[in-house]
Full PDB file with SEQRES, HELIX, SHEET, SSBOND, CRYST1, ORIGX, SCALE, CONECT and MASTER records, all heavy atoms in Angstrom:
SEQRES   1 A   33  THR GLY ARG THR GLU THR GLN ALA ILE TYR GLY ASP ALA          
SEQRES   2 A   33  VAL TYR VAL SER GLU VAL ARG ASP ASP TRP ALA ARG VAL          
SEQRES   3 A   33  GLY VAL THR THR GLU PRO ALA                                  
SHEET    1 AA1 2 VAL A  14  ARG A  20  0                                        
SHEET    2 AA1 2 TRP A  23  VAL A  28 -1                                        
CRYST1    1.000    1.000    1.000  90.00  90.00  90.00 P 1           1          
ORIGX1      1.000000  0.000000  0.000000        0.00000                         
ORIGX2      0.000000  1.000000  0.000000        0.00000                         
ORIGX3      0.000000  0.000000  1.000000        0.00000                         
SCALE1      1.000000  0.000000  0.000000        0.00000                         
SCALE2      0.000000  1.000000  0.000000        0.00000                         
SCALE3      0.000000  0.000000  1.000000        0.00000                         
ATOM      1  N   THR A   1     112.881 107.128 131.169  1.00  0.00           N  
ATOM      2  CA  THR A   1     112.370 107.636 129.872  1.00  0.00           C  
ATOM      3  C   THR A   1     111.091 108.439 130.045  1.00  0.00           C  
ATOM      4  O   THR A   1     110.076 107.859 130.716  1.00  0.00           O  
ATOM      5  CB  THR A   1     112.161 106.464 128.900  1.00  0.00           C  
ATOM      6  OG1 THR A   1     113.423 105.737 128.752  1.00  0.00           O  
ATOM      7  CG2 THR A   1     111.645 106.937 127.580  1.00  0.00           C  
ATOM      8  N   GLY A   2     111.101 109.674 129.627  1.00  0.00           N  
ATOM      9  CA  GLY A   2     109.910 110.423 129.807  1.00  0.00           C  
ATOM     10  C   GLY A   2     109.827 111.212 131.141  1.00  0.00           C  
ATOM     11  O   GLY A   2     108.967 112.051 131.340  1.00  0.00           O  
ATOM     12  N   ARG A   3     110.835 110.924 131.971  1.00  0.00           N  
ATOM     13  CA  ARG A   3     110.928 111.670 133.234  1.00  0.00           C  
ATOM     14  C   ARG A   3     112.022 112.722 133.205  1.00  0.00           C  
ATOM     15  O   ARG A   3     111.843 113.851 133.585  1.00  0.00           O  
ATOM     16  CB  ARG A   3     111.148 110.681 134.371  1.00  0.00           C  
ATOM     17  CG  ARG A   3     110.033 109.746 134.670  1.00  0.00           C  
ATOM     18  CD  ARG A   3     110.350 108.843 135.846  1.00  0.00           C  
ATOM     19  NE  ARG A   3     109.339 107.826 136.110  1.00  0.00           N  
ATOM     20  CZ  ARG A   3     108.332 108.006 136.916  1.00  0.00           C  
ATOM     21  NH1 ARG A   3     108.161 109.260 137.514  1.00  0.00           N  
ATOM     22  NH2 ARG A   3     107.364 107.155 137.052  1.00  0.00           N  
ATOM     23  N   THR A   4     113.236 112.326 132.844  1.00  0.00           N  
ATOM     24  CA  THR A   4     114.386 113.266 132.700  1.00  0.00           C  
ATOM     25  C   THR A   4     114.394 113.791 131.249  1.00  0.00           C  
ATOM     26  O   THR A   4     114.064 113.146 130.270  1.00  0.00           O  
ATOM     27  CB  THR A   4     115.697 112.513 133.026  1.00  0.00           C  
ATOM     28  OG1 THR A   4     115.826 111.432 132.210  1.00  0.00           O  
ATOM     29  CG2 THR A   4     115.686 112.124 134.428  1.00  0.00           C  
ATOM     30  N   GLU A   5     114.880 115.105 131.198  1.00  0.00           N  
ATOM     31  CA  GLU A   5     114.969 115.741 129.819  1.00  0.00           C  
ATOM     32  C   GLU A   5     116.420 115.909 129.465  1.00  0.00           C  
ATOM     33  O   GLU A   5     116.788 115.730 128.273  1.00  0.00           O  
ATOM     34  CB  GLU A   5     114.266 117.085 129.980  1.00  0.00           C  
ATOM     35  CG  GLU A   5     112.771 116.999 130.145  1.00  0.00           C  
ATOM     36  CD  GLU A   5     112.071 116.533 128.834  1.00  0.00           C  
ATOM     37  OE1 GLU A   5     112.617 116.560 127.818  1.00  0.00           O  
ATOM     38  OE2 GLU A   5     110.857 116.216 128.963  1.00  0.00           O  
ATOM     39  N   THR A   6     117.263 116.398 130.338  1.00  0.00           N  
ATOM     40  CA  THR A   6     118.663 116.626 130.084  1.00  0.00           C  
ATOM     41  C   THR A   6     119.318 116.844 131.372  1.00  0.00           C  
ATOM     42  O   THR A   6     118.768 116.660 132.467  1.00  0.00           O  
ATOM     43  CB  THR A   6     118.824 117.866 129.152  1.00  0.00           C  
ATOM     44  OG1 THR A   6     120.143 117.883 128.669  1.00  0.00           O  
ATOM     45  CG2 THR A   6     118.492 119.172 129.751  1.00  0.00           C  
ATOM     46  N   GLN A   7     120.601 117.243 131.294  1.00  0.00           N  
ATOM     47  CA  GLN A   7     121.409 117.566 132.581  1.00  0.00           C  
ATOM     48  C   GLN A   7     122.259 118.842 132.276  1.00  0.00           C  
ATOM     49  O   GLN A   7     122.536 119.251 131.069  1.00  0.00           O  
ATOM     50  CB  GLN A   7     122.449 116.397 132.873  1.00  0.00           C  
ATOM     51  CG  GLN A   7     121.725 115.153 133.454  1.00  0.00           C  
ATOM     52  CD  GLN A   7     122.708 114.071 133.711  1.00  0.00           C  
ATOM     53  OE1 GLN A   7     123.715 113.909 132.956  1.00  0.00           O  
ATOM     54  NE2 GLN A   7     122.366 113.302 134.720  1.00  0.00           N  
ATOM     55  N   ALA A   8     122.552 119.552 133.282  1.00  0.00           N  
ATOM     56  CA  ALA A   8     123.534 120.618 133.235  1.00  0.00           C  
ATOM     57  C   ALA A   8     124.589 120.373 134.310  1.00  0.00           C  
ATOM     58  O   ALA A   8     124.332 119.824 135.331  1.00  0.00           O  
ATOM     59  CB  ALA A   8     122.846 121.942 133.551  1.00  0.00           C  
ATOM     60  N   ILE A   9     125.858 120.849 133.963  1.00  0.00           N  
ATOM     61  CA  ILE A   9     126.952 120.469 134.778  1.00  0.00           C  
ATOM     62  C   ILE A   9     127.487 121.761 135.542  1.00  0.00           C  
ATOM     63  O   ILE A   9     127.035 122.852 135.270  1.00  0.00           O  
ATOM     64  CB  ILE A   9     128.066 119.767 133.990  1.00  0.00           C  
ATOM     65  CG1 ILE A   9     128.630 120.734 132.962  1.00  0.00           C  
ATOM     66  CG2 ILE A   9     127.695 118.496 133.477  1.00  0.00           C  
ATOM     67  CD1 ILE A   9     129.778 120.223 132.139  1.00  0.00           C  
ATOM     68  N   TYR A  10     128.328 121.433 136.577  1.00  0.00           N  
ATOM     69  CA  TYR A  10     128.787 122.502 137.414  1.00  0.00           C  
ATOM     70  C   TYR A  10     129.282 123.737 136.659  1.00  0.00           C  
ATOM     71  O   TYR A  10     130.057 123.703 135.755  1.00  0.00           O  
ATOM     72  CB  TYR A  10     129.965 121.931 138.186  1.00  0.00           C  
ATOM     73  CG  TYR A  10     130.437 122.808 139.405  1.00  0.00           C  
ATOM     74  CD1 TYR A  10     129.777 122.862 140.561  1.00  0.00           C  
ATOM     75  CD2 TYR A  10     131.638 123.577 139.246  1.00  0.00           C  
ATOM     76  CE1 TYR A  10     130.194 123.669 141.629  1.00  0.00           C  
ATOM     77  CE2 TYR A  10     132.119 124.354 140.283  1.00  0.00           C  
ATOM     78  CZ  TYR A  10     131.371 124.405 141.435  1.00  0.00           C  
ATOM     79  OH  TYR A  10     131.795 125.212 142.435  1.00  0.00           O  
ATOM     80  N   GLY A  11     128.695 124.885 137.029  1.00  0.00           N  
ATOM     81  CA  GLY A  11     129.063 126.094 136.395  1.00  0.00           C  
ATOM     82  C   GLY A  11     128.216 126.515 135.196  1.00  0.00           C  
ATOM     83  O   GLY A  11     128.412 127.625 134.680  1.00  0.00           O  
ATOM     84  N   ASP A  12     127.356 125.601 134.716  1.00  0.00           N  
ATOM     85  CA  ASP A  12     126.668 125.963 133.475  1.00  0.00           C  
ATOM     86  C   ASP A  12     125.599 127.096 133.877  1.00  0.00           C  
ATOM     87  O   ASP A  12     125.023 127.092 134.952  1.00  0.00           O  
ATOM     88  CB  ASP A  12     125.873 124.718 133.025  1.00  0.00           C  
ATOM     89  CG  ASP A  12     126.663 123.862 132.041  1.00  0.00           C  
ATOM     90  OD1 ASP A  12     127.698 124.243 131.708  1.00  0.00           O  
ATOM     91  OD2 ASP A  12     126.152 122.772 131.711  1.00  0.00           O  
ATOM     92  N   ALA A  13     125.419 128.005 132.964  1.00  0.00           N  
ATOM     93  CA  ALA A  13     124.440 129.027 133.059  1.00  0.00           C  
ATOM     94  C   ALA A  13     123.033 128.515 132.648  1.00  0.00           C  
ATOM     95  O   ALA A  13     122.881 127.826 131.695  1.00  0.00           O  
ATOM     96  CB  ALA A  13     124.841 130.241 132.253  1.00  0.00           C  
ATOM     97  N   VAL A  14     122.058 128.973 133.417  1.00  0.00           N  
ATOM     98  CA  VAL A  14     120.697 128.646 133.114  1.00  0.00           C  
ATOM     99  C   VAL A  14     119.843 129.826 133.265  1.00  0.00           C  
ATOM    100  O   VAL A  14     120.093 130.813 134.108  1.00  0.00           O  
ATOM    101  CB  VAL A  14     120.089 127.499 133.936  1.00  0.00           C  
ATOM    102  CG1 VAL A  14     120.848 126.217 133.815  1.00  0.00           C  
ATOM    103  CG2 VAL A  14     120.057 127.884 135.404  1.00  0.00           C  
ATOM    104  N   TYR A  15     118.743 130.006 132.478  1.00  0.00           N  
ATOM    105  CA  TYR A  15     117.738 131.086 132.536  1.00  0.00           C  
ATOM    106  C   TYR A  15     116.549 130.560 133.293  1.00  0.00           C  
ATOM    107  O   TYR A  15     115.913 129.635 132.852  1.00  0.00           O  
ATOM    108  CB  TYR A  15     117.426 131.701 131.208  1.00  0.00           C  
ATOM    109  CG  TYR A  15     116.438 132.811 131.319  1.00  0.00           C  
ATOM    110  CD1 TYR A  15     116.792 134.100 131.523  1.00  0.00           C  
ATOM    111  CD2 TYR A  15     115.075 132.478 131.014  1.00  0.00           C  
ATOM    112  CE1 TYR A  15     115.873 135.071 131.711  1.00  0.00           C  
ATOM    113  CE2 TYR A  15     114.204 133.509 131.080  1.00  0.00           C  
ATOM    114  CZ  TYR A  15     114.567 134.759 131.417  1.00  0.00           C  
ATOM    115  OH  TYR A  15     113.581 135.787 131.495  1.00  0.00           O  
ATOM    116  N   VAL A  16     116.173 131.290 134.405  1.00  0.00           N  
ATOM    117  CA  VAL A  16     114.975 130.901 135.130  1.00  0.00           C  
ATOM    118  C   VAL A  16     113.707 131.468 134.549  1.00  0.00           C  
ATOM    119  O   VAL A  16     113.567 132.735 134.540  1.00  0.00           O  
ATOM    120  CB  VAL A  16     115.170 131.280 136.623  1.00  0.00           C  
ATOM    121  CG1 VAL A  16     113.979 130.823 137.395  1.00  0.00           C  
ATOM    122  CG2 VAL A  16     116.454 130.748 137.209  1.00  0.00           C  
ATOM    123  N   SER A  17     112.926 130.618 133.979  1.00  0.00           N  
ATOM    124  CA  SER A  17     111.637 131.218 133.346  1.00  0.00           C  
ATOM    125  C   SER A  17     110.396 130.988 134.205  1.00  0.00           C  
ATOM    126  O   SER A  17     109.406 131.653 133.961  1.00  0.00           O  
ATOM    127  CB  SER A  17     111.397 130.439 132.075  1.00  0.00           C  
ATOM    128  OG  SER A  17     111.216 129.098 132.275  1.00  0.00           O  
ATOM    129  N   GLU A  18     110.529 130.190 135.280  1.00  0.00           N  
ATOM    130  CA  GLU A  18     109.392 130.019 136.218  1.00  0.00           C  
ATOM    131  C   GLU A  18     109.916 129.370 137.479  1.00  0.00           C  
ATOM    132  O   GLU A  18     110.806 128.611 137.529  1.00  0.00           O  
ATOM    133  CB  GLU A  18     108.358 129.034 135.535  1.00  0.00           C  
ATOM    134  CG  GLU A  18     107.137 128.873 136.333  1.00  0.00           C  
ATOM    135  CD  GLU A  18     106.132 127.902 135.657  1.00  0.00           C  
ATOM    136  OE1 GLU A  18     106.337 127.591 134.445  1.00  0.00           O  
ATOM    137  OE2 GLU A  18     105.121 127.543 136.209  1.00  0.00           O  
ATOM    138  N   VAL A  19     109.281 129.763 138.621  1.00  0.00           N  
ATOM    139  CA  VAL A  19     109.521 129.155 139.908  1.00  0.00           C  
ATOM    140  C   VAL A  19     108.267 128.648 140.521  1.00  0.00           C  
ATOM    141  O   VAL A  19     107.237 129.361 140.512  1.00  0.00           O  
ATOM    142  CB  VAL A  19     110.163 130.229 140.859  1.00  0.00           C  
ATOM    143  CG1 VAL A  19     110.336 129.688 142.230  1.00  0.00           C  
ATOM    144  CG2 VAL A  19     111.551 130.679 140.314  1.00  0.00           C  
ATOM    145  N   ARG A  20     108.379 127.471 141.035  1.00  0.00           N  
ATOM    146  CA  ARG A  20     107.220 126.820 141.690  1.00  0.00           C  
ATOM    147  C   ARG A  20     107.631 126.084 142.887  1.00  0.00           C  
ATOM    148  O   ARG A  20     108.377 124.992 142.823  1.00  0.00           O  
ATOM    149  CB  ARG A  20     106.566 125.822 140.744  1.00  0.00           C  
ATOM    150  CG  ARG A  20     105.202 125.134 141.227  1.00  0.00           C  
ATOM    151  CD  ARG A  20     104.780 124.144 140.332  1.00  0.00           C  
ATOM    152  NE  ARG A  20     104.565 124.676 138.899  1.00  0.00           N  
ATOM    153  CZ  ARG A  20     104.236 123.796 137.929  1.00  0.00           C  
ATOM    154  NH1 ARG A  20     104.187 122.487 138.113  1.00  0.00           N  
ATOM    155  NH2 ARG A  20     104.019 124.275 136.699  1.00  0.00           N  
ATOM    156  N   ASP A  21     107.334 126.608 144.045  1.00  0.00           N  
ATOM    157  CA  ASP A  21     107.767 126.095 145.328  1.00  0.00           C  
ATOM    158  C   ASP A  21     109.286 125.917 145.295  1.00  0.00           C  
ATOM    159  O   ASP A  21     110.039 126.863 145.211  1.00  0.00           O  
ATOM    160  CB  ASP A  21     107.096 124.847 145.633  1.00  0.00           C  
ATOM    161  CG  ASP A  21     105.580 124.935 145.749  1.00  0.00           C  
ATOM    162  OD1 ASP A  21     105.117 126.038 146.227  1.00  0.00           O  
ATOM    163  OD2 ASP A  21     104.781 124.090 145.272  1.00  0.00           O  
ATOM    164  N   ASP A  22     109.816 124.694 145.538  1.00  0.00           N  
ATOM    165  CA  ASP A  22     111.277 124.477 145.611  1.00  0.00           C  
ATOM    166  C   ASP A  22     111.819 124.123 144.266  1.00  0.00           C  
ATOM    167  O   ASP A  22     113.009 123.651 144.194  1.00  0.00           O  
ATOM    168  CB  ASP A  22     111.551 123.268 146.588  1.00  0.00           C  
ATOM    169  CG  ASP A  22     111.108 123.670 147.988  1.00  0.00           C  
ATOM    170  OD1 ASP A  22     111.310 124.825 148.307  1.00  0.00           O  
ATOM    171  OD2 ASP A  22     110.840 122.731 148.712  1.00  0.00           O  
ATOM    172  N   TRP A  23     111.112 124.362 143.121  1.00  0.00           N  
ATOM    173  CA  TRP A  23     111.585 124.008 141.872  1.00  0.00           C  
ATOM    174  C   TRP A  23     111.610 125.253 140.879  1.00  0.00           C  
ATOM    175  O   TRP A  23     110.892 126.219 141.132  1.00  0.00           O  
ATOM    176  CB  TRP A  23     110.759 122.961 141.242  1.00  0.00           C  
ATOM    177  CG  TRP A  23     110.742 121.640 141.733  1.00  0.00           C  
ATOM    178  CD1 TRP A  23     110.173 121.245 143.006  1.00  0.00           C  
ATOM    179  CD2 TRP A  23     111.488 120.511 141.339  1.00  0.00           C  
ATOM    180  NE1 TRP A  23     110.478 119.917 143.231  1.00  0.00           N  
ATOM    181  CE2 TRP A  23     111.339 119.436 142.225  1.00  0.00           C  
ATOM    182  CE3 TRP A  23     112.195 120.263 140.159  1.00  0.00           C  
ATOM    183  CZ2 TRP A  23     111.850 118.189 142.013  1.00  0.00           C  
ATOM    184  CZ3 TRP A  23     112.808 119.094 139.943  1.00  0.00           C  
ATOM    185  CH2 TRP A  23     112.579 117.990 140.964  1.00  0.00           C  
ATOM    186  N   ALA A  24     112.599 125.218 139.987  1.00  0.00           N  
ATOM    187  CA  ALA A  24     112.744 126.270 138.914  1.00  0.00           C  
ATOM    188  C   ALA A  24     112.737 125.645 137.531  1.00  0.00           C  
ATOM    189  O   ALA A  24     113.341 124.611 137.321  1.00  0.00           O  
ATOM    190  CB  ALA A  24     113.948 127.000 139.258  1.00  0.00           C  
ATOM    191  N   ARG A  25     111.954 126.221 136.677  1.00  0.00           N  
ATOM    192  CA  ARG A  25     111.974 125.836 135.273  1.00  0.00           C  
ATOM    193  C   ARG A  25     113.082 126.760 134.660  1.00  0.00           C  
ATOM    194  O   ARG A  25     113.075 127.939 134.623  1.00  0.00           O  
ATOM    195  CB  ARG A  25     110.671 126.001 134.521  1.00  0.00           C  
ATOM    196  CG  ARG A  25     110.735 125.529 133.126  1.00  0.00           C  
ATOM    197  CD  ARG A  25     109.305 125.624 132.484  1.00  0.00           C  
ATOM    198  NE  ARG A  25     109.341 125.239 131.041  1.00  0.00           N  
ATOM    199  CZ  ARG A  25     109.344 123.993 130.613  1.00  0.00           C  
ATOM    200  NH1 ARG A  25     109.344 122.976 131.440  1.00  0.00           N  
ATOM    201  NH2 ARG A  25     109.429 123.714 129.296  1.00  0.00           N  
ATOM    202  N   VAL A  26     113.938 125.992 134.007  1.00  0.00           N  
ATOM    203  CA  VAL A  26     115.143 126.702 133.445  1.00  0.00           C  
ATOM    204  C   VAL A  26     115.467 126.277 131.980  1.00  0.00           C  
ATOM    205  O   VAL A  26     115.095 125.235 131.522  1.00  0.00           O  
ATOM    206  CB  VAL A  26     116.466 126.400 134.309  1.00  0.00           C  
ATOM    207  CG1 VAL A  26     116.222 126.865 135.759  1.00  0.00           C  
ATOM    208  CG2 VAL A  26     116.857 125.044 134.246  1.00  0.00           C  
ATOM    209  N   GLY A  27     116.152 127.193 131.259  1.00  0.00           N  
ATOM    210  CA  GLY A  27     116.654 126.875 129.995  1.00  0.00           C  
ATOM    211  C   GLY A  27     118.168 126.767 130.127  1.00  0.00           C  
ATOM    212  O   GLY A  27     118.819 127.678 130.663  1.00  0.00           O  
ATOM    213  N   VAL A  28     118.734 125.695 129.664  1.00  0.00           N  
ATOM    214  CA  VAL A  28     120.282 125.572 129.684  1.00  0.00           C  
ATOM    215  C   VAL A  28     120.789 126.217 128.516  1.00  0.00           C  
ATOM    216  O   VAL A  28     120.745 125.776 127.380  1.00  0.00           O  
ATOM    217  CB  VAL A  28     120.627 123.996 129.713  1.00  0.00           C  
ATOM    218  CG1 VAL A  28     122.157 123.889 129.953  1.00  0.00           C  
ATOM    219  CG2 VAL A  28     119.826 123.290 130.855  1.00  0.00           C  
ATOM    220  N   THR A  29     121.550 127.355 128.753  1.00  0.00           N  
ATOM    221  CA  THR A  29     121.948 128.212 127.668  1.00  0.00           C  
ATOM    222  C   THR A  29     123.037 127.515 126.858  1.00  0.00           C  
ATOM    223  O   THR A  29     123.349 128.016 125.670  1.00  0.00           O  
ATOM    224  CB  THR A  29     122.463 129.511 128.163  1.00  0.00           C  
ATOM    225  OG1 THR A  29     123.487 129.329 129.071  1.00  0.00           O  
ATOM    226  CG2 THR A  29     121.377 130.281 128.875  1.00  0.00           C  
ATOM    227  N   THR A  30     123.701 126.511 127.306  1.00  0.00           N  
ATOM    228  CA  THR A  30     124.758 125.819 126.595  1.00  0.00           C  
ATOM    229  C   THR A  30     124.267 124.691 125.714  1.00  0.00           C  
ATOM    230  O   THR A  30     125.024 124.107 125.075  1.00  0.00           O  
ATOM    231  CB  THR A  30     125.868 125.315 127.599  1.00  0.00           C  
ATOM    232  OG1 THR A  30     125.198 124.403 128.588  1.00  0.00           O  
ATOM    233  CG2 THR A  30     126.592 126.451 128.263  1.00  0.00           C  
ATOM    234  N   GLU A  31     122.897 124.435 125.740  1.00  0.00           N  
ATOM    235  CA  GLU A  31     122.356 123.322 125.039  1.00  0.00           C  
ATOM    236  C   GLU A  31     121.348 123.847 124.028  1.00  0.00           C  
ATOM    237  O   GLU A  31     120.135 124.011 124.378  1.00  0.00           O  
ATOM    238  CB  GLU A  31     121.724 122.292 125.990  1.00  0.00           C  
ATOM    239  CG  GLU A  31     122.668 121.632 126.929  1.00  0.00           C  
ATOM    240  CD  GLU A  31     122.051 120.591 127.876  1.00  0.00           C  
ATOM    241  OE1 GLU A  31     120.872 120.295 127.638  1.00  0.00           O  
ATOM    242  OE2 GLU A  31     122.860 120.103 128.741  1.00  0.00           O  
ATOM    243  N   PRO A  32     121.775 124.075 122.730  1.00  0.00           N  
ATOM    244  CA  PRO A  32     120.849 124.677 121.801  1.00  0.00           C  
ATOM    245  C   PRO A  32     119.653 123.692 121.452  1.00  0.00           C  
ATOM    246  O   PRO A  32     119.857 122.482 121.525  1.00  0.00           O  
ATOM    247  CB  PRO A  32     121.797 124.860 120.561  1.00  0.00           C  
ATOM    248  CG  PRO A  32     123.173 124.811 121.130  1.00  0.00           C  
ATOM    249  CD  PRO A  32     123.118 123.915 122.323  1.00  0.00           C  
ATOM    250  N   ALA A  33     118.537 124.289 121.303  1.00  0.00           N  
ATOM    251  CA  ALA A  33     117.350 123.524 120.898  1.00  0.00           C  
ATOM    252  C   ALA A  33     116.511 124.296 120.005  1.00  0.00           C  
ATOM    253  O   ALA A  33     116.313 125.577 120.212  1.00  0.00           O  
ATOM    254  CB  ALA A  33     116.500 123.093 122.196  1.00  0.00           C  
TER     255      ALA A  33                                                      
MASTER        0    0    0    0    2    0    0    6  254    1    0    3          
END                                                                             
């Protein structure tokens, strides 16, 4: 709780908004918010 936000499954499209070292901040386009 408070660590994970959501999940994306195999083949889901994501938009990369930021990259930091080995991590990427993404928006999961199939999950409206």
